C-alpha atoms as a PDB file:
ATOM      1  CA  MET A   1    -106.440  53.554  37.832  1.00  0.00           C
ATOM      2  CA  VAL A   2    -103.265  51.988  36.421  1.00  0.00           C
ATOM      3  CA  THR A   3    -102.018  55.414  35.297  1.00  0.00           C
ATOM      4  CA  ASN A   4    -102.458  56.805  38.811  1.00  0.00           C
ATOM      5  CA  LYS A   5    -100.464  53.887  40.266  1.00  0.00           C
ATOM      6  CA  PHE A   6     -97.674  54.454  37.736  1.00  0.00           C
ATOM      7  CA  ASP A   7     -97.737  58.215  38.420  1.00  0.00           C
ATOM      8  CA  ASN A   8     -97.203  57.398  42.105  1.00  0.00           C
ATOM      9  CA  THR A   9     -94.345  55.055  41.186  1.00  0.00           C
ATOM     10  CA  LEU A  10     -92.763  57.715  38.956  1.00  0.00           C
ATOM     11  CA  ALA A  11     -93.006  60.238  41.798  1.00  0.00           C
ATOM     12  CA  ALA A  12     -91.356  57.702  44.129  1.00  0.00           C
ATOM     13  CA  ILE A  13     -88.559  57.184  41.596  1.00  0.00           C
ATOM     14  CA  GLU A  14     -88.026  60.950  41.367  1.00  0.00           C
ATOM     15  CA  LEU A  15     -87.978  61.319  45.157  1.00  0.00           C
ATOM     16  CA  ASN A  16     -85.533  58.414  45.475  1.00  0.00           C
ATOM     17  CA  ALA A  17     -83.257  59.961  42.851  1.00  0.00           C
ATOM     18  CA  ALA A  18     -83.359  63.367  44.572  1.00  0.00           C
ATOM     19  CA  ARG A  19     -82.515  61.704  47.894  1.00  0.00           C
ATOM     20  CA  LYS A  20     -79.576  59.791  46.385  1.00  0.00           C
ATOM     21  CA  LEU A  21     -78.254  63.042  44.894  1.00  0.00           C
ATOM     22  CA  HIS A  22     -78.708  64.797  48.278  1.00  0.00           C
ATOM     23  CA  TRP A  23     -80.912  67.409  46.579  1.00  0.00           C
ATOM     24  CA  ASP A  24     -84.294  68.723  47.585  1.00  0.00           C
ATOM     25  CA  TYR A  25     -87.145  67.759  45.267  1.00  0.00           C
ATOM     26  CA  ASN A  26     -87.519  71.260  43.743  1.00  0.00           C
ATOM     27  CA  GLN A  27     -83.813  71.392  42.883  1.00  0.00           C
ATOM     28  CA  PHE A  28     -84.193  67.963  41.289  1.00  0.00           C
ATOM     29  CA  LYS A  29     -87.212  69.005  39.189  1.00  0.00           C
ATOM     30  CA  ASP A  30     -85.309  72.118  38.041  1.00  0.00           C
ATOM     31  CA  CYS A  31     -82.546  69.901  36.627  1.00  0.00           C
ATOM     32  CA  PHE A  32     -84.463  66.907  35.199  1.00  0.00           C
ATOM     33  CA  ASN A  33     -87.599  66.321  33.153  1.00  0.00           C
ATOM     34  CA  PHE A  34     -88.976  62.755  33.296  1.00  0.00           C
ATOM     35  CA  THR A  35     -91.067  61.384  30.415  1.00  0.00           C
ATOM     36  CA  VAL A  36     -92.576  57.929  30.170  1.00  0.00           C
ATOM     37  CA  ASN A  37     -92.353  56.378  26.698  1.00  0.00           C
ATOM     38  CA  LYS A  38     -93.912  52.898  26.523  1.00  0.00           C
ATOM     39  CA  GLU A  39     -91.776  50.761  28.868  1.00  0.00           C
ATOM     40  CA  ALA A  40     -88.954  53.279  29.134  1.00  0.00           C
ATOM     41  CA  ILE A  41     -88.280  56.401  31.137  1.00  0.00           C
ATOM     42  CA  GLU A  42     -86.585  59.250  29.315  1.00  0.00           C
ATOM     43  CA  ILE A  43     -84.838  61.840  31.447  1.00  0.00           C
ATOM     44  CA  ALA A  44     -84.021  65.147  29.812  1.00  0.00           C
ATOM     45  CA  LEU A  45     -81.176  66.998  31.478  1.00  0.00           C
ATOM     46  CA  LYS A  46     -81.749  70.725  31.659  1.00  0.00           C
ATOM     47  CA  ASN A  47     -78.103  71.233  32.664  1.00  0.00           C
ATOM     48  CA  PRO A  48     -75.015  69.019  32.473  1.00  0.00           C
ATOM     49  CA  ILE A  49     -74.356  66.852  35.537  1.00  0.00           C
ATOM     50  CA  GLU A  50     -71.209  65.337  36.968  1.00  0.00           C
ATOM     51  CA  GLU A  51     -70.340  61.677  36.444  1.00  0.00           C
ATOM     52  CA  SER A  52     -70.911  60.915  40.140  1.00  0.00           C
ATOM     53  CA  GLN A  53     -74.406  62.453  39.892  1.00  0.00           C
ATOM     54  CA  LEU A  54     -75.121  60.354  36.817  1.00  0.00           C
ATOM     55  CA  GLU A  55     -74.105  57.215  38.710  1.00  0.00           C
ATOM     56  CA  SER A  56     -76.412  58.159  41.608  1.00  0.00           C
ATOM     57  CA  LEU A  57     -79.264  58.713  39.146  1.00  0.00           C
ATOM     58  CA  LYS A  58     -78.623  55.329  37.499  1.00  0.00           C
ATOM     59  CA  GLN A  59     -78.696  53.615  40.907  1.00  0.00           C
ATOM     60  CA  ALA A  60     -81.933  55.356  41.886  1.00  0.00           C
ATOM     61  CA  LEU A  61     -83.693  54.044  38.788  1.00  0.00           C
ATOM     62  CA  LEU A  62     -82.140  50.607  39.176  1.00  0.00           C
ATOM     63  CA  ASP A  63     -83.742  50.482  42.647  1.00  0.00           C
ATOM     64  CA  TYR A  64     -87.084  50.415  40.790  1.00  0.00           C
ATOM     65  CA  GLY A  65     -86.002  47.948  38.099  1.00  0.00           C
ATOM     66  CA  PHE A  66     -85.034  50.429  35.371  1.00  0.00           C
ATOM     67  CA  GLN A  67     -81.625  49.936  33.791  1.00  0.00           C
ATOM     68  CA  TYR A  68     -79.659  52.603  31.956  1.00  0.00           C
ATOM     69  CA  LYS A  69     -79.643  51.895  28.203  1.00  0.00           C
ATOM     70  CA  LYS A  70     -78.214  54.903  26.391  1.00  0.00           C
ATOM     71  CA  THR A  71     -77.742  58.655  26.143  1.00  0.00           C
ATOM     72  CA  VAL A  72     -79.189  60.568  23.207  1.00  0.00           C
ATOM     73  CA  ASN A  73     -77.695  63.930  22.194  1.00  0.00           C
ATOM     74  CA  SER A  74     -75.817  64.168  25.530  1.00  0.00           C
ATOM     75  CA  PHE A  75     -78.948  65.431  27.281  1.00  0.00           C
ATOM     76  CA  VAL A  76     -81.522  62.613  27.189  1.00  0.00           C
ATOM     77  CA  LEU A  77     -80.952  59.486  29.255  1.00  0.00           C
ATOM     78  CA  ILE A  78     -82.975  56.363  28.426  1.00  0.00           C
ATOM     79  CA  PHE A  79     -83.809  53.783  31.100  1.00  0.00           C
ATOM     80  CA  GLU A  80     -85.736  50.602  30.348  1.00  0.00           C
ATOM     81  CA  GLN A  81     -87.452  48.267  32.750  1.00  0.00           C
ATOM     82  CA  ASP A  82     -85.435  45.167  33.510  1.00  0.00           C
ATOM     83  CA  VAL A  83     -86.813  42.381  31.326  1.00  0.00           C
ATOM     84  CA  GLU A  84     -86.493  39.868  34.174  1.00  0.00           C
ATOM     85  CA  LEU A  85     -88.786  41.981  36.381  1.00  0.00           C
ATOM     86  CA  ARG A  86     -91.612  42.410  33.839  1.00  0.00           C
END
């Protein structure tokens, strides 16, 4: 039951990010691969994105309490849940 609720939240995060980027959902899924790892969300970039798109993506996750932490190998973005919101 908890997994289903989180899956719905993850889908909402993805939809919010696509909306902020002004992309349709399929275009968004073609560019990004979301993975949940403990209390973090890892986003693998399938293609490079512009800085303005990265900022929109960061804001979309921040809307749900996930803050940008780091980039790994230029193509994996790590977002962790805000400690104050846990």
